[in-house]
Amino acid sequence: MPKKSNKQCNFPGCPEIISGNDTYCKSHKKIINKHYNARPERAIQQKAYTTRSWRFARESKLNQDPLCENCLEQGKVTSGYLVHHKNHNPEDNRIENLESSCLACHNTAHKKH
């Protein structure tokens, strides 16, 4: 597999050269993450994933469906270790609103939303 070429940090005015899949240099990545996590909707999301009901619902769903449901529809067998809210509401932990997912399928679902 070819190696990705070096590129400049995406932070405005930063001359730092980075390699691989990174978008920002180390110092600017910290700044970007800090601003991202400070958004009000992010705080609500993070709080929802620390509740007892979420931990119980997640564990129940993974015990019920240990394989990625999207991959199974495509004929692939992949472990599901993430649980996705179909309606994108992190407070709706009904079992019918949850689906077991692998990282790739989970990321794809969030990119679509």
N, C-alpha and C. Protein backbone atom coordinates (compact mmCIF):
# COMPACT_ATOMS: atom_id res chain seq x y z
N MET A 1 0.85 -1.17 0.00
CA MET A 1 0.00 0.00 0.00
C MET A 1 0.90 1.24 0.00
N PRO A 2 0.67 2.19 -0.90
CA PRO A 2 1.53 3.37 -0.96
C PRO A 2 1.36 4.25 0.27
N LYS A 3 2.49 4.83 0.66
CA LYS A 3 2.50 5.72 1.81
C LYS A 3 1.94 7.08 1.42
N LYS A 4 1.14 7.67 2.32
CA LYS A 4 0.59 9.00 2.05
C LYS A 4 1.70 10.03 2.11
N SER A 5 1.62 11.02 1.23
CA SER A 5 2.65 12.05 1.19
C SER A 5 2.47 13.06 2.32
N ASN A 6 3.53 13.77 2.61
CA ASN A 6 3.49 14.81 3.64
C ASN A 6 2.66 15.98 3.14
N LYS A 7 2.02 16.68 4.07
CA LYS A 7 1.22 17.84 3.71
C LYS A 7 1.27 18.86 4.84
N GLN A 8 0.76 20.03 4.60
CA GLN A 8 0.78 21.10 5.59
C GLN A 8 -0.43 20.99 6.50
N CYS A 9 -0.25 21.38 7.75
CA CYS A 9 -1.34 21.41 8.74
C CYS A 9 -2.47 22.29 8.21
N ASN A 10 -3.71 21.88 8.41
CA ASN A 10 -4.88 22.63 7.92
C ASN A 10 -5.23 23.85 8.75
N PHE A 11 -4.57 24.03 9.90
CA PHE A 11 -4.86 25.20 10.73
C PHE A 11 -4.34 26.44 10.01
N PRO A 12 -5.17 27.49 9.89
CA PRO A 12 -4.76 28.68 9.13
C PRO A 12 -3.44 29.28 9.62
N GLY A 13 -2.51 29.43 8.70
CA GLY A 13 -1.22 30.05 8.99
C GLY A 13 -0.17 29.14 9.58
N CYS A 14 -0.49 27.87 9.81
CA CYS A 14 0.48 26.95 10.40
C CYS A 14 1.38 26.37 9.31
N PRO A 15 2.70 26.52 9.43
CA PRO A 15 3.62 25.99 8.42
C PRO A 15 4.04 24.55 8.67
N GLU A 16 3.58 23.95 9.77
CA GLU A 16 4.00 22.60 10.17
C GLU A 16 3.65 21.57 9.09
N ILE A 17 4.59 20.67 8.80
CA ILE A 17 4.37 19.59 7.85
C ILE A 17 3.99 18.33 8.62
N ILE A 18 2.92 17.67 8.19
CA ILE A 18 2.44 16.46 8.85
C ILE A 18 2.40 15.31 7.84
N SER A 19 2.34 14.10 8.35
CA SER A 19 2.31 12.94 7.45
C SER A 19 1.13 12.05 7.80
N GLY A 20 0.85 11.12 6.93
CA GLY A 20 -0.21 10.15 7.18
C GLY A 20 -1.60 10.73 7.00
N ASN A 21 -2.54 10.25 7.81
CA ASN A 21 -3.94 10.65 7.69
C ASN A 21 -4.30 11.86 8.54
N ASP A 22 -3.34 12.41 9.27
CA ASP A 22 -3.63 13.55 10.13
C ASP A 22 -4.03 14.77 9.31
N THR A 23 -4.83 15.62 9.92
CA THR A 23 -5.27 16.86 9.29
C THR A 23 -4.57 18.06 9.91
N TYR A 24 -4.26 17.95 11.21
CA TYR A 24 -3.63 19.03 11.95
C TYR A 24 -2.37 18.53 12.62
N CYS A 25 -1.43 19.44 12.91
CA CYS A 25 -0.23 19.09 13.67
C CYS A 25 -0.66 18.82 15.12
N LYS A 26 0.25 18.30 15.93
CA LYS A 26 -0.09 17.91 17.30
C LYS A 26 -0.64 19.07 18.13
N SER A 27 -0.02 20.23 18.05
CA SER A 27 -0.47 21.35 18.88
C SER A 27 -1.84 21.87 18.44
N HIS A 28 -2.09 21.91 17.13
CA HIS A 28 -3.38 22.40 16.66
C HIS A 28 -4.48 21.36 16.79
N LYS A 29 -4.12 20.09 16.79
CA LYS A 29 -5.11 19.03 16.99
C LYS A 29 -5.73 19.16 18.38
N LYS A 30 -4.90 19.50 19.38
CA LYS A 30 -5.41 19.69 20.74
C LYS A 30 -6.41 20.84 20.78
N ILE A 31 -6.11 21.93 20.08
CA ILE A 31 -6.99 23.10 20.05
C ILE A 31 -8.32 22.74 19.38
N ILE A 32 -8.25 22.07 18.25
CA ILE A 32 -9.45 21.68 17.51
C ILE A 32 -10.32 20.75 18.36
N ASN A 33 -9.71 19.76 19.00
CA ASN A 33 -10.47 18.83 19.84
C ASN A 33 -11.11 19.54 21.03
N LYS A 34 -10.38 20.49 21.63
CA LYS A 34 -10.91 21.23 22.77
C LYS A 34 -12.16 22.02 22.35
N HIS A 35 -12.12 22.68 21.20
CA HIS A 35 -13.27 23.44 20.72
C HIS A 35 -14.43 22.52 20.36
N TYR A 36 -14.12 21.38 19.76
CA TYR A 36 -15.16 20.42 19.39
C TYR A 36 -15.88 19.90 20.63
N ASN A 37 -15.13 19.54 21.65
CA ASN A 37 -15.72 18.98 22.86
C ASN A 37 -16.42 20.02 23.71
N ALA A 38 -16.15 21.30 23.48
CA ALA A 38 -16.78 22.38 24.26
C ALA A 38 -18.17 22.75 23.74
N ARG A 39 -18.56 22.24 22.57
CA ARG A 39 -19.88 22.56 22.02
C ARG A 39 -20.96 22.01 22.93
N PRO A 40 -22.07 22.77 23.12
CA PRO A 40 -23.13 22.32 24.03
C PRO A 40 -23.73 20.97 23.67
N GLU A 41 -23.95 20.71 22.38
CA GLU A 41 -24.55 19.43 21.99
C GLU A 41 -23.61 18.27 22.27
N ARG A 42 -22.31 18.52 22.24
CA ARG A 42 -21.34 17.48 22.54
C ARG A 42 -21.40 17.11 24.02
N ALA A 43 -21.58 18.09 24.88
CA ALA A 43 -21.68 17.83 26.32
C ALA A 43 -22.90 16.97 26.62
N ILE A 44 -24.01 17.23 25.93
CA ILE A 44 -25.23 16.44 26.12
C ILE A 44 -24.99 15.01 25.67
N GLN A 45 -24.33 14.84 24.52
CA GLN A 45 -24.04 13.50 24.01
C GLN A 45 -23.16 12.73 24.98
N GLN A 46 -22.10 13.37 25.46
CA GLN A 46 -21.18 12.69 26.37
C GLN A 46 -21.88 12.28 27.66
N LYS A 47 -22.76 13.12 28.16
CA LYS A 47 -23.48 12.80 29.38
C LYS A 47 -24.41 11.60 29.17
N ALA A 48 -25.06 11.53 28.01
CA ALA A 48 -25.99 10.45 27.73
C ALA A 48 -25.29 9.09 27.72
N TYR A 49 -24.02 9.05 27.35
CA TYR A 49 -23.29 7.78 27.25
C TYR A 49 -22.62 7.37 28.55
N THR A 50 -22.90 8.07 29.64
CA THR A 50 -22.36 7.68 30.94
C THR A 50 -23.44 7.18 31.88
N THR A 51 -24.68 7.12 31.41
CA THR A 51 -25.78 6.72 32.29
C THR A 51 -25.85 5.21 32.46
N ARG A 52 -26.47 4.81 33.53
CA ARG A 52 -26.65 3.40 33.82
C ARG A 52 -27.55 2.74 32.77
N SER A 53 -28.60 3.45 32.34
CA SER A 53 -29.52 2.88 31.35
C SER A 53 -28.81 2.64 30.02
N TRP A 54 -27.88 3.53 29.64
CA TRP A 54 -27.15 3.33 28.38
C TRP A 54 -26.23 2.12 28.48
N ARG A 55 -25.51 2.01 29.58
CA ARG A 55 -24.60 0.87 29.73
C ARG A 55 -25.37 -0.44 29.69
N PHE A 56 -26.55 -0.49 30.34
CA PHE A 56 -27.37 -1.69 30.33
C PHE A 56 -27.90 -1.98 28.92
N ALA A 57 -28.40 -0.95 28.24
CA ALA A 57 -28.94 -1.13 26.88
C ALA A 57 -27.85 -1.58 25.92
N ARG A 58 -26.67 -0.99 26.02
CA ARG A 58 -25.55 -1.35 25.14
C ARG A 58 -25.15 -2.81 25.34
N GLU A 59 -24.99 -3.19 26.60
CA GLU A 59 -24.60 -4.56 26.91
C GLU A 59 -25.68 -5.55 26.44
N SER A 60 -26.94 -5.22 26.65
CA SER A 60 -28.04 -6.09 26.22
C SER A 60 -28.04 -6.27 24.71
N LYS A 61 -27.86 -5.17 23.99
CA LYS A 61 -27.88 -5.23 22.52
C LYS A 61 -26.72 -6.06 21.99
N LEU A 62 -25.52 -5.87 22.54
CA LEU A 62 -24.37 -6.64 22.07
C LEU A 62 -24.48 -8.11 22.43
N ASN A 63 -25.13 -8.42 23.54
CA ASN A 63 -25.37 -9.83 23.88
C ASN A 63 -26.39 -10.46 22.94
N GLN A 64 -27.40 -9.67 22.57
CA GLN A 64 -28.45 -10.15 21.68
C GLN A 64 -27.94 -10.30 20.24
N ASP A 65 -27.17 -9.31 19.77
CA ASP A 65 -26.64 -9.29 18.40
C ASP A 65 -25.15 -8.99 18.44
N PRO A 66 -24.29 -9.99 18.60
CA PRO A 66 -22.86 -9.74 18.73
C PRO A 66 -22.15 -9.39 17.41
N LEU A 67 -22.84 -9.56 16.28
CA LEU A 67 -22.23 -9.25 14.99
C LEU A 67 -22.79 -7.95 14.42
N CYS A 68 -22.00 -7.28 13.59
CA CYS A 68 -22.43 -6.03 12.96
C CYS A 68 -23.62 -6.32 12.04
N GLU A 69 -24.73 -5.64 12.30
CA GLU A 69 -25.96 -5.89 11.56
C GLU A 69 -25.86 -5.42 10.10
N ASN A 70 -25.16 -4.31 9.85
CA ASN A 70 -25.00 -3.83 8.47
C ASN A 70 -24.14 -4.77 7.65
N CYS A 71 -23.07 -5.25 8.24
CA CYS A 71 -22.19 -6.20 7.52
C CYS A 71 -22.95 -7.49 7.21
N LEU A 72 -23.77 -7.97 8.15
CA LEU A 72 -24.54 -9.20 7.91
C LEU A 72 -25.48 -9.04 6.72
N GLU A 73 -26.08 -7.85 6.57
CA GLU A 73 -26.95 -7.60 5.42
C GLU A 73 -26.18 -7.68 4.10
N GLN A 74 -24.88 -7.40 4.14
CA GLN A 74 -24.04 -7.45 2.95
C GLN A 74 -23.35 -8.80 2.79
N GLY A 75 -23.65 -9.73 3.68
CA GLY A 75 -23.08 -11.06 3.59
C GLY A 75 -21.71 -11.19 4.23
N LYS A 76 -21.29 -10.21 5.01
CA LYS A 76 -19.99 -10.26 5.70
C LYS A 76 -20.23 -10.55 7.17
N VAL A 77 -19.26 -11.20 7.80
CA VAL A 77 -19.34 -11.50 9.23
C VAL A 77 -18.27 -10.67 9.94
N THR A 78 -18.73 -9.69 10.73
CA THR A 78 -17.83 -8.79 11.45
C THR A 78 -18.36 -8.62 12.88
N SER A 79 -17.46 -8.59 13.83
CA SER A 79 -17.88 -8.37 15.22
C SER A 79 -18.46 -6.98 15.38
N GLY A 80 -19.55 -6.90 16.10
CA GLY A 80 -20.13 -5.60 16.42
C GLY A 80 -19.75 -5.25 17.85
N TYR A 81 -18.97 -4.23 18.02
CA TYR A 81 -18.58 -3.84 19.37
C TYR A 81 -19.03 -2.43 19.71
N LEU A 82 -19.69 -1.77 18.75
CA LEU A 82 -20.31 -0.47 18.99
C LEU A 82 -21.81 -0.63 18.87
N VAL A 83 -22.55 0.25 19.51
CA VAL A 83 -24.00 0.23 19.39
C VAL A 83 -24.43 1.60 18.88
N HIS A 84 -25.19 1.58 17.79
CA HIS A 84 -25.60 2.80 17.10
C HIS A 84 -27.08 3.08 17.36
N HIS A 85 -27.40 4.36 17.64
CA HIS A 85 -28.80 4.79 17.76
C HIS A 85 -29.33 5.07 16.35
N LYS A 86 -30.30 4.32 15.90
CA LYS A 86 -30.83 4.48 14.55
C LYS A 86 -31.42 5.87 14.32
N ASN A 87 -32.07 6.43 15.33
CA ASN A 87 -32.69 7.75 15.16
C ASN A 87 -31.77 8.90 15.62
N HIS A 88 -30.52 8.57 15.91
CA HIS A 88 -29.48 9.55 16.29
C HIS A 88 -29.81 10.32 17.56
N ASN A 89 -30.68 9.78 18.40
CA ASN A 89 -31.01 10.40 19.67
C ASN A 89 -30.33 9.57 20.77
N PRO A 90 -29.26 10.10 21.39
CA PRO A 90 -28.52 9.31 22.38
C PRO A 90 -29.29 9.02 23.66
N GLU A 91 -30.44 9.63 23.83
CA GLU A 91 -31.24 9.36 25.03
C GLU A 91 -32.33 8.32 24.80
N ASP A 92 -32.51 7.88 23.54
CA ASP A 92 -33.52 6.88 23.20
C ASP A 92 -32.85 5.50 23.19
N ASN A 93 -32.86 4.84 24.33
CA ASN A 93 -32.17 3.56 24.47
C ASN A 93 -33.08 2.36 24.34
N ARG A 94 -34.20 2.52 23.64
CA ARG A 94 -35.06 1.36 23.37
C ARG A 94 -34.29 0.37 22.51
N ILE A 95 -34.42 -0.91 22.78
CA ILE A 95 -33.65 -1.93 22.07
C ILE A 95 -33.93 -1.91 20.56
N GLU A 96 -35.17 -1.55 20.16
CA GLU A 96 -35.49 -1.50 18.73
C GLU A 96 -34.87 -0.29 18.03
N ASN A 97 -34.36 0.66 18.80
CA ASN A 97 -33.68 1.83 18.23
C ASN A 97 -32.17 1.62 18.13
N LEU A 98 -31.68 0.49 18.63
CA LEU A 98 -30.24 0.24 18.66
C LEU A 98 -29.86 -0.82 17.65
N GLU A 99 -28.65 -0.69 17.10
CA GLU A 99 -28.12 -1.74 16.23
C GLU A 99 -26.64 -1.94 16.51
N SER A 100 -26.24 -3.20 16.54
CA SER A 100 -24.83 -3.54 16.73
C SER A 100 -24.08 -3.14 15.47
N SER A 101 -22.88 -2.62 15.66
CA SER A 101 -22.15 -2.09 14.52
C SER A 101 -20.64 -2.23 14.71
N CYS A 102 -19.94 -2.42 13.60
CA CYS A 102 -18.48 -2.36 13.63
C CYS A 102 -18.08 -0.89 13.47
N LEU A 103 -16.83 -0.58 13.64
CA LEU A 103 -16.37 0.80 13.56
C LEU A 103 -16.62 1.40 12.18
N ALA A 104 -16.34 0.66 11.13
CA ALA A 104 -16.51 1.19 9.76
C ALA A 104 -17.97 1.54 9.48
N CYS A 105 -18.88 0.66 9.83
CA CYS A 105 -20.31 0.91 9.59
C CYS A 105 -20.82 2.04 10.47
N HIS A 106 -20.35 2.11 11.71
CA HIS A 106 -20.76 3.17 12.62
C HIS A 106 -20.32 4.53 12.08
N ASN A 107 -19.08 4.61 11.62
CA ASN A 107 -18.58 5.87 11.05
C ASN A 107 -19.36 6.26 9.79
N THR A 108 -19.68 5.28 8.95
CA THR A 108 -20.46 5.56 7.74
C THR A 108 -21.84 6.10 8.10
N ALA A 109 -22.47 5.50 9.10
CA ALA A 109 -23.80 5.95 9.51
C ALA A 109 -23.77 7.40 10.01
N HIS A 110 -22.71 7.76 10.72
CA HIS A 110 -22.62 9.13 11.24
C HIS A 110 -22.24 10.12 10.16
N LYS A 111 -21.52 9.69 9.15
CA LYS A 111 -21.19 10.59 8.04
C LYS A 111 -22.45 10.90 7.23
N LYS A 112 -23.33 9.93 7.08
CA LYS A 112 -24.59 10.14 6.35
C LYS A 112 -25.50 11.13 7.07
N HIS A 113 -25.45 11.07 8.42
CA HIS A 113 -26.31 11.95 9.21
C HIS A 113 -25.63 13.31 9.31
